[in-house]
C-alpha cells in the first residue's frame, strides 16, 4: 500500500486489514460458487458481480500451478502474520483457504 510520506490522515493498518478482508471474502465467494476448483484459482474475469473463470479454465477445472503455488505461500504468510498481530478471526479465514487448497492439491494436480 502506497502512502505518501508524512501523510498522517491515512490509517495504514486499518486499510491493510480492510483490503485483506475484501480479498478473503472474494476467495470465499469463489470457493462457494465454484467448489470444483478446490480453493484453487483459475484465470478469472472480473465484473461488478465478482469473479468468474475465463472460458478456457471452466471445464475441466484447470488452474495455473505456478500462480497457485505463489498464492498458497501468500495465504500461509497472511494467516500467520494476522494471528501474530491479533487478528485471529481474519487469520482463521486465510487458514481455511490454505487448508482447503492443501486438501485438494493432489486431486487438482495429480489425478
PDB file of N, CA and C in Angstrom:
ATOM      1  N   UNK A   1       0.852  -1.168   0.000  1.00  0.00           N
ATOM      2  CA  UNK A   1       0.000   0.000   0.000  1.00  0.00           C
ATOM      3  C   UNK A   1       0.898   1.231   0.000  1.00  0.00           C
ATOM      4  N   UNK A   2       0.670   2.076  -0.963  1.00  0.00           N
ATOM      5  CA  UNK A   2       1.447   3.297  -1.048  1.00  0.00           C
ATOM      6  C   UNK A   2       0.762   4.381  -0.212  1.00  0.00           C
ATOM      7  N   UNK A   3       1.532   5.002   0.670  1.00  0.00           N
ATOM      8  CA  UNK A   3       1.058   6.152   1.435  1.00  0.00           C
ATOM      9  C   UNK A   3       2.151   7.204   1.351  1.00  0.00           C
ATOM     10  N   UNK A   4       1.773   8.374   0.932  1.00  0.00           N
ATOM     11  CA  UNK A   4       2.727   9.470   0.801  1.00  0.00           C
ATOM     12  C   UNK A   4       3.395   9.747   2.150  1.00  0.00           C
ATOM     13  N   UNK A   5       4.699   9.900   2.139  1.00  0.00           N
ATOM     14  CA  UNK A   5       5.450  10.168   3.366  1.00  0.00           C
ATOM     15  C   UNK A   5       4.878  11.386   4.079  1.00  0.00           C
ATOM     16  N   UNK A   6       4.691  11.252   5.367  1.00  0.00           N
ATOM     17  CA  UNK A   6       4.182  12.350   6.172  1.00  0.00           C
ATOM     18  C   UNK A   6       2.674  12.484   6.183  1.00  0.00           C
ATOM     19  N   UNK A   7       1.968  11.670   5.411  1.00  0.00           N
ATOM     20  CA  UNK A   7       0.501  11.733   5.368  1.00  0.00           C
ATOM     21  C   UNK A   7      -0.048  11.044   6.611  1.00  0.00           C
ATOM     22  N   UNK A   8      -0.463  11.837   7.570  1.00  0.00           N
ATOM     23  CA  UNK A   8      -0.964  11.304   8.847  1.00  0.00           C
ATOM     24  C   UNK A   8      -2.454  10.987   8.807  1.00  0.00           C
ATOM     25  N   UNK A   9      -3.124  11.327   7.707  1.00  0.00           N
ATOM     26  CA  UNK A   9      -4.571  11.129   7.653  1.00  0.00           C
ATOM     27  C   UNK A   9      -4.960   9.706   7.259  1.00  0.00           C
ATOM     28  N   UNK A  10      -3.985   8.899   6.856  1.00  0.00           N
ATOM     29  CA  UNK A  10      -4.284   7.540   6.433  1.00  0.00           C
ATOM     30  C   UNK A  10      -3.916   6.570   7.546  1.00  0.00           C
ATOM     31  N   UNK A  11      -4.886   5.790   7.999  1.00  0.00           N
ATOM     32  CA  UNK A  11      -4.632   4.742   8.980  1.00  0.00           C
ATOM     33  C   UNK A  11      -4.241   3.493   8.195  1.00  0.00           C
ATOM     34  N   UNK A  12      -2.952   3.314   8.017  1.00  0.00           N
ATOM     35  CA  UNK A  12      -2.439   2.255   7.159  1.00  0.00           C
ATOM     36  C   UNK A  12      -2.860   0.880   7.663  1.00  0.00           C
ATOM     37  N   UNK A  13      -2.778   0.649   8.944  1.00  0.00           N
ATOM     38  CA  UNK A  13      -3.131  -0.664   9.488  1.00  0.00           C
ATOM     39  C   UNK A  13      -4.594  -0.998   9.194  1.00  0.00           C
ATOM     40  N   UNK A  14      -5.488  -0.057   9.388  1.00  0.00           N
ATOM     41  CA  UNK A  14      -6.904  -0.296   9.090  1.00  0.00           C
ATOM     42  C   UNK A  14      -7.122  -0.543   7.602  1.00  0.00           C
ATOM     43  N   UNK A  15      -6.382   0.164   6.791  1.00  0.00           N
ATOM     44  CA  UNK A  15      -6.506  -0.003   5.342  1.00  0.00           C
ATOM     45  C   UNK A  15      -6.039  -1.391   4.895  1.00  0.00           C
ATOM     46  N   UNK A  16      -4.945  -1.850   5.482  1.00  0.00           N
ATOM     47  CA  UNK A  16      -4.439  -3.182   5.166  1.00  0.00           C
ATOM     48  C   UNK A  16      -5.447  -4.245   5.581  1.00  0.00           C
ATOM     49  N   UNK A  17      -5.983  -4.138   6.779  1.00  0.00           N
ATOM     50  CA  UNK A  17      -6.964  -5.108   7.260  1.00  0.00           C
ATOM     51  C   UNK A  17      -8.209  -5.090   6.384  1.00  0.00           C
ATOM     52  N   UNK A  18      -8.629  -3.911   5.963  1.00  0.00           N
ATOM     53  CA  UNK A  18      -9.793  -3.805   5.076  1.00  0.00           C
ATOM     54  C   UNK A  18      -9.528  -4.512   3.741  1.00  0.00           C
ATOM     55  N   UNK A  19      -8.369  -4.288   3.160  1.00  0.00           N
ATOM     56  CA  UNK A  19      -8.030  -4.936   1.887  1.00  0.00           C
ATOM     57  C   UNK A  19      -7.957  -6.449   2.059  1.00  0.00           C
ATOM     58  N   UNK A  20      -7.295  -6.911   3.126  1.00  0.00           N
ATOM     59  CA  UNK A  20      -7.202  -8.358   3.363  1.00  0.00           C
ATOM     60  C   UNK A  20      -8.573  -8.982   3.605  1.00  0.00           C
ATOM     61  N   UNK A  21      -9.461  -8.254   4.236  1.00  0.00           N
ATOM     62  CA  UNK A  21     -10.825  -8.748   4.464  1.00  0.00           C
ATOM     63  C   UNK A  21     -11.564  -8.884   3.140  1.00  0.00           C
ATOM     64  N   UNK A  22     -11.434  -7.898   2.276  1.00  0.00           N
ATOM     65  CA  UNK A  22     -12.090  -7.962   0.964  1.00  0.00           C
ATOM     66  C   UNK A  22     -11.511  -9.095   0.113  1.00  0.00           C
ATOM     67  N   UNK A  23     -10.200  -9.282   0.170  1.00  0.00           N
ATOM     68  CA  UNK A  23      -9.566 -10.349  -0.615  1.00  0.00           C
ATOM     69  C   UNK A  23     -10.071 -11.722  -0.181  1.00  0.00           C
ATOM     70  N   UNK A  24     -10.088 -11.984   1.119  1.00  0.00           N
ATOM     71  CA  UNK A  24     -10.502 -13.312   1.566  1.00  0.00           C
ATOM     72  C   UNK A  24     -11.989 -13.515   1.303  1.00  0.00           C
ATOM     73  N   UNK A  25     -12.780 -12.457   1.376  1.00  0.00           N
ATOM     74  CA  UNK A  25     -14.207 -12.581   1.043  1.00  0.00           C
ATOM     75  C   UNK A  25     -14.381 -12.977  -0.421  1.00  0.00           C
ATOM     76  N   UNK A  26     -13.528 -12.457  -1.290  1.00  0.00           N
ATOM     77  CA  UNK A  26     -13.579 -12.821  -2.709  1.00  0.00           C
ATOM     78  C   UNK A  26     -13.208 -14.287  -2.892  1.00  0.00           C
ATOM     79  N   UNK A  27     -12.148 -14.746  -2.223  1.00  0.00           N
ATOM     80  CA  UNK A  27     -11.764 -16.159  -2.311  1.00  0.00           C
ATOM     81  C   UNK A  27     -12.880 -17.068  -1.773  1.00  0.00           C
ATOM     82  N   UNK A  28     -13.484 -16.668  -0.662  1.00  0.00           N
ATOM     83  CA  UNK A  28     -14.559 -17.478  -0.060  1.00  0.00           C
ATOM     84  C   UNK A  28     -15.768 -17.569  -0.991  1.00  0.00           C
ATOM     85  N   UNK A  29     -16.133 -16.445  -1.594  1.00  0.00           N
ATOM     86  CA  UNK A  29     -17.268 -16.453  -2.526  1.00  0.00           C
ATOM     87  C   UNK A  29     -16.961 -17.331  -3.730  1.00  0.00           C
ATOM     88  N   UNK A  30     -15.746 -17.242  -4.266  1.00  0.00           N
ATOM     89  CA  UNK A  30     -15.369 -18.074  -5.397  1.00  0.00           C
ATOM     90  C   UNK A  30     -15.427 -19.554  -5.011  1.00  0.00           C
ATOM     91  N   UNK A  31     -14.949 -19.865  -3.806  1.00  0.00           N
ATOM     92  CA  UNK A  31     -14.969 -21.254  -3.331  1.00  0.00           C
ATOM     93  C   UNK A  31     -16.388 -21.782  -3.217  1.00  0.00           C
ATOM     94  N   UNK A  32     -17.313 -20.945  -2.778  1.00  0.00           N
ATOM     95  CA  UNK A  32     -18.732 -21.346  -2.686  1.00  0.00           C
ATOM     96  C   UNK A  32     -19.351 -21.479  -4.073  1.00  0.00           C
ATOM     97  N   UNK A  33     -19.076 -20.527  -4.948  1.00  0.00           N
ATOM     98  CA  UNK A  33     -19.674 -20.513  -6.281  1.00  0.00           C
ATOM     99  C   UNK A  33     -19.102 -21.593  -7.199  1.00  0.00           C
ATOM    100  N   UNK A  34     -17.836 -21.935  -6.991  1.00  0.00           N
ATOM    101  CA  UNK A  34     -17.141 -22.888  -7.865  1.00  0.00           C
ATOM    102  C   UNK A  34     -16.385 -23.919  -7.023  1.00  0.00           C
ATOM    103  N   UNK A  35     -17.097 -24.789  -6.323  1.00  0.00           N
ATOM    104  CA  UNK A  35     -16.425 -25.737  -5.428  1.00  0.00           C
ATOM    105  C   UNK A  35     -15.512 -26.732  -6.146  1.00  0.00           C
ATOM    106  N   UNK A  36     -15.714 -26.947  -7.440  1.00  0.00           N
ATOM    107  CA  UNK A  36     -14.895 -27.892  -8.188  1.00  0.00           C
ATOM    108  C   UNK A  36     -13.435 -27.496  -8.310  1.00  0.00           C
ATOM    109  N   UNK A  37     -13.100 -26.263  -8.003  1.00  0.00           N
ATOM    110  CA  UNK A  37     -11.717 -25.815  -8.082  1.00  0.00           C
ATOM    111  C   UNK A  37     -10.930 -26.099  -6.798  1.00  0.00           C
ATOM    112  N   UNK A  38     -11.589 -26.586  -5.771  1.00  0.00           N
ATOM    113  CA  UNK A  38     -10.894 -26.954  -4.541  1.00  0.00           C
ATOM    114  C   UNK A  38     -10.151 -25.815  -3.877  1.00  0.00           C
ATOM    115  N   UNK A  39     -10.644 -24.595  -4.037  1.00  0.00           N
ATOM    116  CA  UNK A  39      -9.982 -23.434  -3.448  1.00  0.00           C
ATOM    117  C   UNK A  39      -8.910 -22.822  -4.336  1.00  0.00           C
ATOM    118  N   UNK A  40      -8.520 -23.529  -5.406  1.00  0.00           N
ATOM    119  CA  UNK A  40      -7.515 -23.005  -6.318  1.00  0.00           C
ATOM    120  C   UNK A  40      -8.151 -21.990  -7.262  1.00  0.00           C
ATOM    121  N   UNK A  41      -7.317 -21.104  -7.781  1.00  0.00           N
ATOM    122  CA  UNK A  41      -7.819 -20.034  -8.633  1.00  0.00           C
ATOM    123  C   UNK A  41      -7.399 -20.247 -10.083  1.00  0.00           C
ATOM    124  N   UNK A  42      -8.386 -20.276 -10.998  1.00  0.00           N
ATOM    125  CA  UNK A  42      -8.051 -20.269 -12.421  1.00  0.00           C
ATOM    126  C   UNK A  42      -7.823 -18.813 -12.845  1.00  0.00           C
ATOM    127  N   UNK A  43      -7.522 -18.600 -14.105  1.00  0.00           N
ATOM    128  CA  UNK A  43      -7.567 -17.237 -14.620  1.00  0.00           C
ATOM    129  C   UNK A  43      -9.034 -16.818 -14.566  1.00  0.00           C
ATOM    130  N   UNK A  44      -9.282 -15.579 -14.215  1.00  0.00           N
ATOM    131  CA  UNK A  44     -10.655 -15.124 -13.994  1.00  0.00           C
ATOM    132  C   UNK A  44     -10.961 -13.846 -14.757  1.00  0.00           C
ATOM    133  N   UNK A  45     -12.254 -13.619 -14.930  1.00  0.00           N
ATOM    134  CA  UNK A  45     -12.747 -12.330 -15.394  1.00  0.00           C
ATOM    135  C   UNK A  45     -13.335 -11.622 -14.179  1.00  0.00           C
ATOM    136  N   UNK A  46     -13.247 -10.323 -14.174  1.00  0.00           N
ATOM    137  CA  UNK A  46     -13.714  -9.532 -13.038  1.00  0.00           C
ATOM    138  C   UNK A  46     -14.845  -8.627 -13.508  1.00  0.00           C
ATOM    139  N   UNK A  47     -15.920  -8.622 -12.736  1.00  0.00           N
ATOM    140  CA  UNK A  47     -17.046  -7.741 -13.035  1.00  0.00           C
ATOM    141  C   UNK A  47     -17.616  -7.217 -11.727  1.00  0.00           C
ATOM    142  N   UNK A  48     -18.667  -6.415 -11.833  1.00  0.00           N
ATOM    143  CA  UNK A  48     -19.296  -5.884 -10.629  1.00  0.00           C
ATOM    144  C   UNK A  48     -19.882  -6.990  -9.749  1.00  0.00           C
ATOM    145  N   UNK A  49     -20.228  -8.123 -10.350  1.00  0.00           N
ATOM    146  CA  UNK A  49     -20.812  -9.218  -9.549  1.00  0.00           C
ATOM    147  C   UNK A  49     -19.757 -10.123  -8.924  1.00  0.00           C
ATOM    148  N   UNK A  50     -18.489  -9.940  -9.288  1.00  0.00           N
ATOM    149  CA  UNK A  50     -17.431 -10.748  -8.698  1.00  0.00           C
ATOM    150  C   UNK A  50     -16.480 -11.275  -9.737  1.00  0.00           C
ATOM    151  N   UNK A  51     -15.942 -12.476  -9.477  1.00  0.00           N
ATOM    152  CA  UNK A  51     -15.002 -13.091 -10.402  1.00  0.00           C
ATOM    153  C   UNK A  51     -15.555 -14.419 -10.892  1.00  0.00           C
ATOM    154  N   UNK A  52     -15.230 -14.729 -12.140  1.00  0.00           N
ATOM    155  CA  UNK A  52     -15.664 -15.975 -12.764  1.00  0.00           C
ATOM    156  C   UNK A  52     -14.495 -16.523 -13.573  1.00  0.00           C
ATOM    157  N   UNK A  53     -14.414 -17.867 -13.703  1.00  0.00           N
ATOM    158  CA  UNK A  53     -13.338 -18.438 -14.519  1.00  0.00           C
ATOM    159  C   UNK A  53     -13.438 -17.964 -15.967  1.00  0.00           C
ATOM    160  N   UNK A  54     -12.297 -17.710 -16.585  1.00  0.00           N
ATOM    161  CA  UNK A  54     -12.306 -17.388 -18.007  1.00  0.00           C
ATOM    162  C   UNK A  54     -12.710 -18.644 -18.771  1.00  0.00           C
ATOM    163  N   UNK A  55     -13.238 -18.500 -19.965  1.00  0.00           N
ATOM    164  CA  UNK A  55     -13.747 -19.665 -20.704  1.00  0.00           C
ATOM    165  C   UNK A  55     -12.764 -20.837 -20.824  1.00  0.00           C
ATOM    166  N   UNK A  56     -11.505 -20.607 -21.013  1.00  0.00           N
ATOM    167  CA  UNK A  56     -10.548 -21.696 -21.162  1.00  0.00           C
ATOM    168  C   UNK A  56     -10.257 -22.468 -19.887  1.00  0.00           C
ATOM    169  N   UNK A  57     -10.724 -21.974 -18.749  1.00  0.00           N
ATOM    170  CA  UNK A  57     -10.444 -22.615 -17.462  1.00  0.00           C
ATOM    171  C   UNK A  57     -11.697 -23.185 -16.803  1.00  0.00           C
ATOM    172  N   UNK A  58     -12.790 -23.306 -17.540  1.00  0.00           N
ATOM    173  CA  UNK A  58     -14.036 -23.740 -16.918  1.00  0.00           C
ATOM    174  C   UNK A  58     -14.179 -25.251 -16.835  1.00  0.00           C
ATOM    175  N   UNK A  59     -13.969 -25.967 -17.898  1.00  0.00           N
ATOM    176  CA  UNK A  59     -14.142 -27.423 -17.868  1.00  0.00           C
ATOM    177  C   UNK A  59     -13.090 -28.085 -18.714  1.00  0.00           C
ATOM    178  N   UNK A  60     -12.358 -29.062 -18.261  1.00  0.00           N
ATOM    179  CA  UNK A  60     -12.356 -29.461 -16.861  1.00  0.00           C
ATOM    180  C   UNK A  60     -11.725 -28.365 -16.013  1.00  0.00           C
ATOM    181  N   UNK A  61     -11.835 -28.503 -14.729  1.00  0.00           N
ATOM    182  CA  UNK A  61     -11.336 -27.474 -13.826  1.00  0.00           C
ATOM    183  C   UNK A  61      -9.822 -27.369 -13.963  1.00  0.00           C
ATOM    184  N   UNK A  62      -9.355 -26.330 -14.630  1.00  0.00           N
ATOM    185  CA  UNK A  62      -7.931 -26.126 -14.842  1.00  0.00           C
ATOM    186  C   UNK A  62      -7.470 -24.905 -14.061  1.00  0.00           C
ATOM    187  N   UNK A  63      -6.274 -25.022 -13.499  1.00  0.00           N
ATOM    188  CA  UNK A  63      -5.694 -23.899 -12.763  1.00  0.00           C
ATOM    189  C   UNK A  63      -4.207 -23.818 -13.066  1.00  0.00           C
ATOM    190  N   UNK A  64      -3.648 -22.607 -13.088  1.00  0.00           N
ATOM    191  CA  UNK A  64      -2.211 -22.471 -13.303  1.00  0.00           C
ATOM    192  C   UNK A  64      -1.442 -22.835 -12.025  1.00  0.00           C
ATOM    193  N   UNK A  65      -0.506 -23.759 -12.138  1.00  0.00           N
ATOM    194  CA  UNK A  65       0.178 -24.262 -10.939  1.00  0.00           C
ATOM    195  C   UNK A  65       1.120 -23.232 -10.315  1.00  0.00           C
ATOM    196  N   UNK A  66       1.887 -22.517 -11.117  1.00  0.00           N
ATOM    197  CA  UNK A  66       2.837 -21.558 -10.550  1.00  0.00           C
ATOM    198  C   UNK A  66       2.096 -20.458  -9.779  1.00  0.00           C
ATOM    199  N   UNK A  67       1.077 -19.890 -10.391  1.00  0.00           N
ATOM    200  CA  UNK A  67       0.319 -18.819  -9.736  1.00  0.00           C
ATOM    201  C   UNK A  67      -0.306 -19.298  -8.434  1.00  0.00           C
ATOM    202  N   UNK A  68      -0.868 -20.495  -8.447  1.00  0.00           N
ATOM    203  CA  UNK A  68      -1.489 -21.019  -7.239  1.00  0.00           C
ATOM    204  C   UNK A  68      -0.459 -21.403  -6.183  1.00  0.00           C
ATOM    205  N   UNK A  69       0.726 -21.815  -6.619  1.00  0.00           N
ATOM    206  CA  UNK A  69       1.800 -22.067  -5.659  1.00  0.00           C
ATOM    207  C   UNK A  69       2.185 -20.800  -4.916  1.00  0.00           C
ATOM    208  N   UNK A  70       2.268 -19.714  -5.655  1.00  0.00           N
ATOM    209  CA  UNK A  70       2.558 -18.420  -5.023  1.00  0.00           C
ATOM    210  C   UNK A  70       1.426 -18.009  -4.083  1.00  0.00           C
ATOM    211  N   UNK A  71       0.186 -18.270  -4.508  1.00  0.00           N
ATOM    212  CA  UNK A  71      -0.967 -17.945  -3.666  1.00  0.00           C
ATOM    213  C   UNK A  71      -0.930 -18.728  -2.359  1.00  0.00           C
ATOM    214  N   UNK A  72      -0.598 -20.017  -2.424  1.00  0.00           N
ATOM    215  CA  UNK A  72      -0.551 -20.840  -1.208  1.00  0.00           C
ATOM    216  C   UNK A  72       0.424 -20.251  -0.194  1.00  0.00           C
ATOM    217  N   UNK A  73       1.608 -19.870  -0.657  1.00  0.00           N
ATOM    218  CA  UNK A  73       2.584 -19.291   0.266  1.00  0.00           C
ATOM    219  C   UNK A  73       2.125 -17.943   0.812  1.00  0.00           C
ATOM    220  N   UNK A  74       1.457 -17.150  -0.010  1.00  0.00           N
ATOM    221  CA  UNK A  74       0.929 -15.863   0.467  1.00  0.00           C
ATOM    222  C   UNK A  74      -0.148 -16.084   1.523  1.00  0.00           C
ATOM    223  N   UNK A  75      -1.012 -17.079   1.325  1.00  0.00           N
ATOM    224  CA  UNK A  75      -2.040 -17.391   2.314  1.00  0.00           C
ATOM    225  C   UNK A  75      -1.411 -17.841   3.623  1.00  0.00           C
ATOM    226  N   UNK A  76      -0.380 -18.677   3.516  1.00  0.00           N
ATOM    227  CA  UNK A  76       0.328 -19.170   4.701  1.00  0.00           C
ATOM    228  C   UNK A  76       0.902 -17.999   5.503  1.00  0.00           C
ATOM    229  N   UNK A  77       1.569 -17.097   4.799  1.00  0.00           N
ATOM    230  CA  UNK A  77       2.134 -15.928   5.457  1.00  0.00           C
ATOM    231  C   UNK A  77       1.037 -15.057   6.066  1.00  0.00           C
ATOM    232  N   UNK A  78      -0.025 -14.822   5.314  1.00  0.00           N
ATOM    233  CA  UNK A  78      -1.108 -13.954   5.801  1.00  0.00           C
ATOM    234  C   UNK A  78      -1.729 -14.498   7.075  1.00  0.00           C
ATOM    235  N   UNK A  79      -2.055 -15.795   7.100  1.00  0.00           N
ATOM    236  CA  UNK A  79      -2.724 -16.279   8.311  1.00  0.00           C
ATOM    237  C   UNK A  79      -1.796 -16.275   9.506  1.00  0.00           C
ATOM    238  N   UNK A  80      -0.521 -16.507   9.303  1.00  0.00           N
ATOM    239  CA  UNK A  80       0.412 -16.460  10.436  1.00  0.00           C
ATOM    240  C   UNK A  80       0.623 -15.045  10.946  1.00  0.00           C
ATOM    241  N   UNK A  81       0.818 -14.093  10.051  1.00  0.00           N
ATOM    242  CA  UNK A  81       1.024 -12.706  10.474  1.00  0.00           C
ATOM    243  C   UNK A  81      -0.248 -12.147  11.114  1.00  0.00           C
ATOM    244  N   UNK A  82      -1.399 -12.421  10.516  1.00  0.00           N
ATOM    245  CA  UNK A  82      -2.646 -11.929  11.108  1.00  0.00           C
ATOM    246  C   UNK A  82      -2.844 -12.480  12.513  1.00  0.00           C
ATOM    247  N   UNK A  83      -2.574 -13.755  12.707  1.00  0.00           N
ATOM    248  CA  UNK A  83      -2.699 -14.333  14.056  1.00  0.00           C
ATOM    249  C   UNK A  83      -1.703 -13.693  15.018  1.00  0.00           C
ATOM    250  N   UNK A  84      -0.478 -13.498  14.571  1.00  0.00           N
ATOM    251  CA  UNK A  84       0.556 -12.897  15.424  1.00  0.00           C
ATOM    252  C   UNK A  84       0.231 -11.462  15.803  1.00  0.00           C
ATOM    253  N   UNK A  85      -0.493 -10.759  14.931  1.00  0.00           N
ATOM    254  CA  UNK A  85      -0.796  -9.340  15.163  1.00  0.00           C
ATOM    255  C   UNK A  85      -2.154  -9.112  15.828  1.00  0.00           C
ATOM    256  N   UNK A  86      -2.822 -10.195  16.232  1.00  0.00           N
ATOM    257  CA  UNK A  86      -4.073 -10.045  16.970  1.00  0.00           C
ATOM    258  C   UNK A  86      -5.339 -10.054  16.123  1.00  0.00           C
ATOM    259  N   UNK A  87      -5.230 -10.486  14.895  1.00  0.00           N
ATOM    260  CA  UNK A  87      -6.401 -10.568  14.011  1.00  0.00           C
ATOM    261  C   UNK A  87      -6.737 -12.038  13.768  1.00  0.00           C
ATOM    262  N   UNK A  88      -6.993 -12.755  14.858  1.00  0.00           N
ATOM    263  CA  UNK A  88      -7.166 -14.212  14.790  1.00  0.00           C
ATOM    264  C   UNK A  88      -8.339 -14.629  13.908  1.00  0.00           C
ATOM    265  N   UNK A  89      -9.455 -13.929  13.980  1.00  0.00           N
ATOM    266  CA  UNK A  89     -10.626 -14.316  13.179  1.00  0.00           C
ATOM    267  C   UNK A  89     -10.322 -14.181  11.688  1.00  0.00           C
ATOM    268  N   UNK A  90      -9.681 -13.094  11.306  1.00  0.00           N
ATOM    269  CA  UNK A  90      -9.318 -12.910   9.907  1.00  0.00           C
ATOM    270  C   UNK A  90      -8.244 -13.925   9.507  1.00  0.00           C
ATOM    271  N   UNK A  91      -7.295 -14.159  10.383  1.00  0.00           N
ATOM    272  CA  UNK A  91      -6.264 -15.149  10.125  1.00  0.00           C
ATOM    273  C   UNK A  91      -6.848 -16.533   9.914  1.00  0.00           C
ATOM    274  N   UNK A  92      -7.859 -16.869  10.678  1.00  0.00           N
ATOM    275  CA  UNK A  92      -8.504 -18.189  10.537  1.00  0.00           C
ATOM    276  C   UNK A  92      -9.169 -18.335   9.178  1.00  0.00           C
ATOM    277  N   UNK A  93      -9.713 -17.268   8.658  1.00  0.00           N
ATOM    278  CA  UNK A  93     -10.318 -17.315   7.318  1.00  0.00           C
ATOM    279  C   UNK A  93      -9.259 -17.604   6.262  1.00  0.00           C
ATOM    280  N   UNK A  94      -8.080 -16.999   6.413  1.00  0.00           N
ATOM    281  CA  UNK A  94      -6.981 -17.281   5.485  1.00  0.00           C
ATOM    282  C   UNK A  94      -6.482 -18.713   5.658  1.00  0.00           C
ATOM    283  N   UNK A  95      -6.444 -19.200   6.896  1.00  0.00           N
ATOM    284  CA  UNK A  95      -6.008 -20.578   7.140  1.00  0.00           C
ATOM    285  C   UNK A  95      -6.994 -21.564   6.523  1.00  0.00           C
ATOM    286  N   UNK A  96      -8.284 -21.263   6.580  1.00  0.00           N
ATOM    287  CA  UNK A  96      -9.287 -22.134   5.964  1.00  0.00           C
ATOM    288  C   UNK A  96      -9.061 -22.226   4.462  1.00  0.00           C
ATOM    289  N   UNK A  97      -8.752 -21.107   3.821  1.00  0.00           N
ATOM    290  CA  UNK A  97      -8.459 -21.124   2.381  1.00  0.00           C
ATOM    291  C   UNK A  97      -7.210 -21.963   2.116  1.00  0.00           C
ATOM    292  N   UNK A  98      -6.174 -21.767   2.910  1.00  0.00           N
ATOM    293  CA  UNK A  98      -4.938 -22.543   2.783  1.00  0.00           C
ATOM    294  C   UNK A  98      -5.225 -24.033   2.968  1.00  0.00           C
ATOM    295  N   UNK A  99      -5.956 -24.381   4.014  1.00  0.00           N
ATOM    296  CA  UNK A  99      -6.260 -25.784   4.300  1.00  0.00           C
ATOM    297  C   UNK A  99      -7.083 -26.427   3.185  1.00  0.00           C
ATOM    298  N   UNK A 100      -8.006 -25.672   2.613  1.00  0.00           N
ATOM    299  CA  UNK A 100      -8.815 -26.196   1.502  1.00  0.00           C
ATOM    300  C   UNK A 100      -7.911 -26.529   0.321  1.00  0.00           C
ATOM    301  N   UNK A 101      -7.005 -25.638   0.001  1.00  0.00           N
ATOM    302  CA  UNK A 101      -6.092 -25.881  -1.119  1.00  0.00           C
ATOM    303  C   UNK A 101      -5.172 -27.059  -0.820  1.00  0.00           C
ATOM    304  N   UNK A 102      -4.704 -27.171   0.412  1.00  0.00           N
ATOM    305  CA  UNK A 102      -3.847 -28.300   0.788  1.00  0.00           C
ATOM    306  C   UNK A 102      -4.612 -29.618   0.655  1.00  0.00           C
ATOM    307  N   UNK A 103      -5.872 -29.601   1.032  1.00  0.00           N
ATOM    308  CA  UNK A 103      -6.696 -30.812   0.964  1.00  0.00           C
ATOM    309  C   UNK A 103      -6.883 -31.306  -0.471  1.00  0.00           C
ATOM    310  N   UNK A 104      -7.059 -30.387  -1.411  1.00  0.00           N
ATOM    311  CA  UNK A 104      -7.371 -30.763  -2.785  1.00  0.00           C
ATOM    312  C   UNK A 104      -6.197 -30.651  -3.762  1.00  0.00           C
ATOM    313  N   UNK A 105      -5.028 -30.307  -3.270  1.00  0.00           N
ATOM    314  CA  UNK A 105      -3.881 -30.119  -4.155  1.00  0.00           C
ATOM    315  C   UNK A 105      -3.537 -31.358  -4.968  1.00  0.00           C
ATOM    316  N   UNK A 106      -3.478 -32.501  -4.334  1.00  0.00           N
ATOM    317  CA  UNK A 106      -3.152 -33.733  -5.052  1.00  0.00           C
ATOM    318  C   UNK A 106      -4.182 -34.014  -6.144  1.00  0.00           C
ATOM    319  N   UNK A 107      -5.450 -33.858  -5.806  1.00  0.00           N
ATOM    320  CA  UNK A 107      -6.508 -34.115  -6.779  1.00  0.00           C
ATOM    321  C   UNK A 107      -6.417 -33.149  -7.968  1.00  0.00           C
ATOM    322  N   UNK A 108      -6.124 -31.889  -7.699  1.00  0.00           N
ATOM    323  CA  UNK A 108      -6.084 -30.890  -8.762  1.00  0.00           C
ATOM    324  C   UNK A 108      -4.887 -31.065  -9.698  1.00  0.00           C
ATOM    325  N   UNK A 109      -3.767 -31.534  -9.162  1.00  0.00           N
ATOM    326  CA  UNK A 109      -2.554 -31.548  -9.972  1.00  0.00           C
ATOM    327  C   UNK A 109      -2.048 -32.938 -10.357  1.00  0.00           C
ATOM    328  N   UNK A 110      -2.546 -33.978  -9.688  1.00  0.00           N
ATOM    329  CA  UNK A 110      -2.005 -35.309  -9.969  1.00  0.00           C
ATOM    330  C   UNK A 110      -3.036 -36.347 -10.371  1.00  0.00           C
ATOM    331  N   UNK A 111      -4.291 -36.072 -10.214  1.00  0.00           N
ATOM    332  CA  UNK A 111      -5.307 -37.092 -10.536  1.00  0.00           C
ATOM    333  C   UNK A 111      -6.137 -36.681 -11.721  1.00  0.00           C
TER     334      UNK A 111
END
